[in-house]
Structure formats: structure tokens, C-alpha cells
Amino acid sequence: KLQPGGALIIFEKEIINDSKINEIVESCYLKFKLKQGFSIDEVLSKKFSLEGVMNTNTENQNIRLLMNAGFTQFETIMKYGEFHGYLCIK
């Protein structure tokens, strides 16, 4: 159990609130994966395997979940496309 004053670093894949921007970011990330040598079949296989297993939240939803878990301070330490890294203090 994390004690008061303890820190947690967490990285989450998030949904971007604006659906048009979310679509553009997802498209860019797909192109990045393909340029890294992954086949379209590999990318789609992973995407489908995560459906129903990995629940993706918005930034606000993740902050609310962290607050409900007792964290009182949050700072972005990295953000890249759909991925958001937080430093959280309890």
C-alpha cells in the first residue's frame, strides 16, 4: 500500500476528447507502427485482441480515478500522441 506522500509514475493510453483530433492522432500512430516494420495484420490483430480487455479513458476520467484512489497531486511528465505519463503524489 502506498503511504501518504508516496509517489506513483503511471503511463496511460487515453482517448482525446475531440473526436477529429483523436482520429488524426490514431492515424499518425498507425502510420508510425507500419514504418517501424509491423504489418497491418499485426497492428490489427493487437488492436482487436485489446478490444473489451483494455478500457481507454479520457484524461479527466483518469484524473478522477486517481483522485478516488487517494492521490492529491498530478503532473504530466510525458505526453506523446495518445499516451500520457503522470507523476502522482498520494
N, C-alpha and C. Protein backbone atom coordinates (compact mmCIF):
# COMPACT_ATOMS: atom_id res chain seq x y z
N LYS A 1 0.85 -1.18 0.00
CA LYS A 1 0.00 0.00 0.00
C LYS A 1 0.89 1.23 0.00
N LEU A 2 0.61 2.17 -0.87
CA LEU A 2 1.39 3.40 -0.97
C LEU A 2 1.02 4.33 0.18
N GLN A 3 2.02 4.77 0.90
CA GLN A 3 1.82 5.64 2.06
C GLN A 3 1.59 7.09 1.62
N PRO A 4 0.93 7.91 2.45
CA PRO A 4 0.77 9.33 2.15
C PRO A 4 2.15 9.96 1.89
N GLY A 5 2.22 10.78 0.85
CA GLY A 5 3.48 11.38 0.45
C GLY A 5 4.24 10.54 -0.57
N GLY A 6 3.79 9.29 -0.76
CA GLY A 6 4.42 8.40 -1.74
C GLY A 6 4.06 8.81 -3.16
N ALA A 7 4.89 8.38 -4.10
CA ALA A 7 4.70 8.76 -5.50
C ALA A 7 4.47 7.54 -6.38
N LEU A 8 3.75 7.76 -7.45
CA LEU A 8 3.48 6.74 -8.45
C LEU A 8 3.69 7.36 -9.82
N ILE A 9 4.42 6.66 -10.68
CA ILE A 9 4.54 7.07 -12.08
C ILE A 9 3.71 6.09 -12.88
N ILE A 10 2.82 6.62 -13.70
CA ILE A 10 1.91 5.79 -14.47
C ILE A 10 1.79 6.35 -15.89
N PHE A 11 1.72 5.46 -16.85
CA PHE A 11 1.52 5.84 -18.25
C PHE A 11 0.24 5.19 -18.73
N GLU A 12 -0.61 5.98 -19.34
CA GLU A 12 -1.90 5.50 -19.82
C GLU A 12 -2.13 5.91 -21.27
N LYS A 13 -2.73 5.02 -22.03
CA LYS A 13 -3.21 5.38 -23.36
C LYS A 13 -4.59 6.00 -23.14
N GLU A 14 -4.79 7.20 -23.66
CA GLU A 14 -6.04 7.92 -23.41
C GLU A 14 -6.77 8.26 -24.70
N ILE A 15 -8.07 8.43 -24.55
CA ILE A 15 -8.90 8.93 -25.64
C ILE A 15 -8.81 10.45 -25.59
N ILE A 16 -8.60 11.07 -26.72
CA ILE A 16 -8.57 12.53 -26.80
C ILE A 16 -10.02 13.00 -26.94
N ASN A 17 -10.40 14.02 -26.17
CA ASN A 17 -11.80 14.47 -26.13
C ASN A 17 -12.36 14.86 -27.49
N ASP A 18 -11.57 15.53 -28.31
CA ASP A 18 -12.03 15.96 -29.63
C ASP A 18 -11.90 14.78 -30.59
N SER A 19 -13.03 14.28 -31.11
CA SER A 19 -13.02 13.07 -31.93
C SER A 19 -12.21 13.23 -33.21
N LYS A 20 -12.22 14.41 -33.81
CA LYS A 20 -11.44 14.64 -35.04
C LYS A 20 -9.95 14.56 -34.74
N ILE A 21 -9.52 15.20 -33.66
CA ILE A 21 -8.11 15.15 -33.28
C ILE A 21 -7.73 13.73 -32.90
N ASN A 22 -8.60 13.04 -32.18
CA ASN A 22 -8.33 11.65 -31.79
C ASN A 22 -8.12 10.78 -33.03
N GLU A 23 -8.96 10.98 -34.04
CA GLU A 23 -8.85 10.22 -35.29
C GLU A 23 -7.52 10.50 -35.99
N ILE A 24 -7.10 11.75 -36.02
CA ILE A 24 -5.83 12.12 -36.66
C ILE A 24 -4.65 11.50 -35.91
N VAL A 25 -4.67 11.59 -34.58
CA VAL A 25 -3.58 11.03 -33.77
C VAL A 25 -3.51 9.51 -33.96
N GLU A 26 -4.66 8.84 -33.94
CA GLU A 26 -4.68 7.38 -34.16
C GLU A 26 -4.11 7.03 -35.53
N SER A 27 -4.46 7.81 -36.54
CA SER A 27 -3.96 7.57 -37.89
C SER A 27 -2.44 7.74 -37.95
N CYS A 28 -1.94 8.80 -37.32
CA CYS A 28 -0.49 9.03 -37.29
C CYS A 28 0.23 7.89 -36.57
N TYR A 29 -0.35 7.40 -35.49
CA TYR A 29 0.27 6.31 -34.73
C TYR A 29 0.27 5.01 -35.54
N LEU A 30 -0.81 4.77 -36.28
CA LEU A 30 -0.86 3.61 -37.16
C LEU A 30 0.25 3.69 -38.21
N LYS A 31 0.41 4.85 -38.83
CA LYS A 31 1.46 5.03 -39.83
C LYS A 31 2.84 4.83 -39.22
N PHE A 32 3.03 5.31 -37.99
CA PHE A 32 4.30 5.12 -37.28
C PHE A 32 4.59 3.63 -37.10
N LYS A 33 3.59 2.87 -36.65
CA LYS A 33 3.78 1.43 -36.43
C LYS A 33 4.16 0.73 -37.74
N LEU A 34 3.49 1.10 -38.83
CA LEU A 34 3.79 0.49 -40.12
C LEU A 34 5.21 0.84 -40.57
N LYS A 35 5.64 2.07 -40.33
CA LYS A 35 7.01 2.47 -40.68
C LYS A 35 8.05 1.75 -39.83
N GLN A 36 7.66 1.30 -38.64
CA GLN A 36 8.57 0.56 -37.76
C GLN A 36 8.69 -0.91 -38.18
N GLY A 37 7.96 -1.30 -39.21
CA GLY A 37 8.09 -2.65 -39.73
C GLY A 37 6.99 -3.62 -39.35
N PHE A 38 6.01 -3.14 -38.57
CA PHE A 38 4.89 -4.01 -38.24
C PHE A 38 3.97 -4.12 -39.46
N SER A 39 3.43 -5.31 -39.67
CA SER A 39 2.49 -5.49 -40.78
C SER A 39 1.11 -4.99 -40.34
N ILE A 40 0.28 -4.69 -41.32
CA ILE A 40 -1.08 -4.24 -41.00
C ILE A 40 -1.82 -5.35 -40.24
N ASP A 41 -1.53 -6.61 -40.58
CA ASP A 41 -2.16 -7.73 -39.86
C ASP A 41 -1.75 -7.75 -38.39
N GLU A 42 -0.47 -7.49 -38.11
CA GLU A 42 0.00 -7.46 -36.72
C GLU A 42 -0.67 -6.33 -35.94
N VAL A 43 -0.74 -5.16 -36.56
CA VAL A 43 -1.34 -4.00 -35.90
C VAL A 43 -2.82 -4.25 -35.61
N LEU A 44 -3.54 -4.75 -36.60
CA LEU A 44 -4.97 -5.00 -36.41
C LEU A 44 -5.21 -6.14 -35.42
N SER A 45 -4.36 -7.16 -35.45
CA SER A 45 -4.50 -8.27 -34.52
C SER A 45 -4.38 -7.78 -33.08
N LYS A 46 -3.39 -6.91 -32.82
CA LYS A 46 -3.23 -6.38 -31.47
C LYS A 46 -4.42 -5.51 -31.09
N LYS A 47 -4.84 -4.66 -32.02
CA LYS A 47 -5.99 -3.77 -31.75
C LYS A 47 -7.22 -4.59 -31.37
N PHE A 48 -7.51 -5.64 -32.14
CA PHE A 48 -8.70 -6.45 -31.86
C PHE A 48 -8.54 -7.27 -30.59
N SER A 49 -7.32 -7.71 -30.29
CA SER A 49 -7.11 -8.51 -29.08
C SER A 49 -7.32 -7.67 -27.81
N LEU A 50 -7.12 -6.35 -27.91
CA LEU A 50 -7.28 -5.48 -26.74
C LEU A 50 -8.72 -5.00 -26.56
N GLU A 51 -9.53 -5.09 -27.61
CA GLU A 51 -10.91 -4.64 -27.51
C GLU A 51 -11.65 -5.45 -26.45
N GLY A 52 -12.32 -4.76 -25.56
CA GLY A 52 -13.06 -5.42 -24.50
C GLY A 52 -12.20 -5.81 -23.31
N VAL A 53 -10.87 -5.71 -23.46
CA VAL A 53 -9.95 -6.06 -22.38
C VAL A 53 -9.35 -4.80 -21.78
N MET A 54 -8.90 -3.90 -22.66
CA MET A 54 -8.29 -2.65 -22.21
C MET A 54 -9.32 -1.53 -22.35
N ASN A 55 -9.68 -0.94 -21.24
CA ASN A 55 -10.61 0.19 -21.26
C ASN A 55 -9.80 1.48 -21.31
N THR A 56 -10.04 2.26 -22.35
CA THR A 56 -9.32 3.51 -22.52
C THR A 56 -10.20 4.65 -22.02
N ASN A 57 -9.62 5.52 -21.19
CA ASN A 57 -10.33 6.65 -20.61
C ASN A 57 -9.82 7.96 -21.19
N THR A 58 -10.55 9.03 -20.90
CA THR A 58 -10.06 10.37 -21.21
C THR A 58 -9.13 10.81 -20.07
N GLU A 59 -8.42 11.90 -20.28
CA GLU A 59 -7.56 12.45 -19.23
C GLU A 59 -8.37 12.75 -17.97
N ASN A 60 -9.53 13.39 -18.13
CA ASN A 60 -10.36 13.73 -16.97
C ASN A 60 -10.82 12.49 -16.21
N GLN A 61 -11.17 11.43 -16.93
CA GLN A 61 -11.59 10.19 -16.28
C GLN A 61 -10.43 9.58 -15.49
N ASN A 62 -9.23 9.61 -16.07
CA ASN A 62 -8.07 9.05 -15.36
C ASN A 62 -7.75 9.85 -14.11
N ILE A 63 -7.82 11.17 -14.19
CA ILE A 63 -7.57 12.01 -13.01
C ILE A 63 -8.60 11.70 -11.93
N ARG A 64 -9.86 11.55 -12.31
CA ARG A 64 -10.91 11.22 -11.35
C ARG A 64 -10.62 9.87 -10.67
N LEU A 65 -10.20 8.88 -11.45
CA LEU A 65 -9.87 7.56 -10.88
C LEU A 65 -8.70 7.66 -9.91
N LEU A 66 -7.68 8.45 -10.27
CA LEU A 66 -6.52 8.62 -9.39
C LEU A 66 -6.93 9.34 -8.10
N MET A 67 -7.79 10.35 -8.21
CA MET A 67 -8.27 11.06 -7.02
C MET A 67 -9.04 10.10 -6.12
N ASN A 68 -9.88 9.26 -6.72
CA ASN A 68 -10.65 8.28 -5.94
C ASN A 68 -9.74 7.27 -5.25
N ALA A 69 -8.54 7.07 -5.79
CA ALA A 69 -7.56 6.15 -5.19
C ALA A 69 -6.71 6.85 -4.13
N GLY A 70 -6.98 8.15 -3.88
CA GLY A 70 -6.29 8.86 -2.81
C GLY A 70 -5.12 9.73 -3.22
N PHE A 71 -4.91 9.90 -4.53
CA PHE A 71 -3.83 10.78 -4.98
C PHE A 71 -4.31 12.22 -4.97
N THR A 72 -3.43 13.13 -4.55
CA THR A 72 -3.83 14.53 -4.39
C THR A 72 -3.12 15.48 -5.34
N GLN A 73 -2.00 15.06 -5.90
CA GLN A 73 -1.25 15.91 -6.83
C GLN A 73 -0.93 15.09 -8.08
N PHE A 74 -1.00 15.77 -9.24
CA PHE A 74 -0.74 15.11 -10.52
C PHE A 74 0.08 16.05 -11.38
N GLU A 75 1.05 15.52 -12.07
CA GLU A 75 1.83 16.32 -13.00
C GLU A 75 2.11 15.48 -14.24
N THR A 76 1.95 16.08 -15.40
CA THR A 76 2.30 15.40 -16.64
C THR A 76 3.81 15.36 -16.75
N ILE A 77 4.37 14.16 -16.94
CA ILE A 77 5.82 14.05 -17.12
C ILE A 77 6.17 13.70 -18.56
N MET A 78 5.18 13.26 -19.33
CA MET A 78 5.38 12.99 -20.74
C MET A 78 4.02 12.86 -21.41
N LYS A 79 3.94 13.36 -22.62
CA LYS A 79 2.73 13.16 -23.40
C LYS A 79 3.15 13.00 -24.84
N TYR A 80 2.72 11.89 -25.44
CA TYR A 80 3.06 11.60 -26.83
C TYR A 80 1.84 10.98 -27.49
N GLY A 81 1.21 11.74 -28.37
CA GLY A 81 0.02 11.23 -29.03
C GLY A 81 -1.04 10.85 -28.02
N GLU A 82 -1.42 9.58 -28.03
CA GLU A 82 -2.46 9.09 -27.13
C GLU A 82 -1.93 8.70 -25.76
N PHE A 83 -0.62 8.77 -25.57
CA PHE A 83 -0.01 8.28 -24.33
C PHE A 83 0.31 9.43 -23.39
N HIS A 84 -0.03 9.24 -22.12
CA HIS A 84 0.10 10.30 -21.12
C HIS A 84 0.78 9.71 -19.89
N GLY A 85 1.91 10.30 -19.53
CA GLY A 85 2.63 9.88 -18.33
C GLY A 85 2.38 10.86 -17.20
N TYR A 86 2.04 10.32 -16.04
CA TYR A 86 1.74 11.14 -14.86
C TYR A 86 2.70 10.80 -13.73
N LEU A 87 3.06 11.82 -12.96
CA LEU A 87 3.66 11.64 -11.65
C LEU A 87 2.56 12.00 -10.66
N CYS A 88 2.19 11.05 -9.82
CA CYS A 88 1.08 11.23 -8.88
C CYS A 88 1.60 11.11 -7.46
N ILE A 89 1.16 12.03 -6.59
CA ILE A 89 1.56 12.03 -5.18
C ILE A 89 0.33 11.72 -4.34
N LYS A 90 0.50 10.81 -3.40
CA LYS A 90 -0.61 10.43 -2.52
C LYS A 90 -0.63 11.32 -1.29
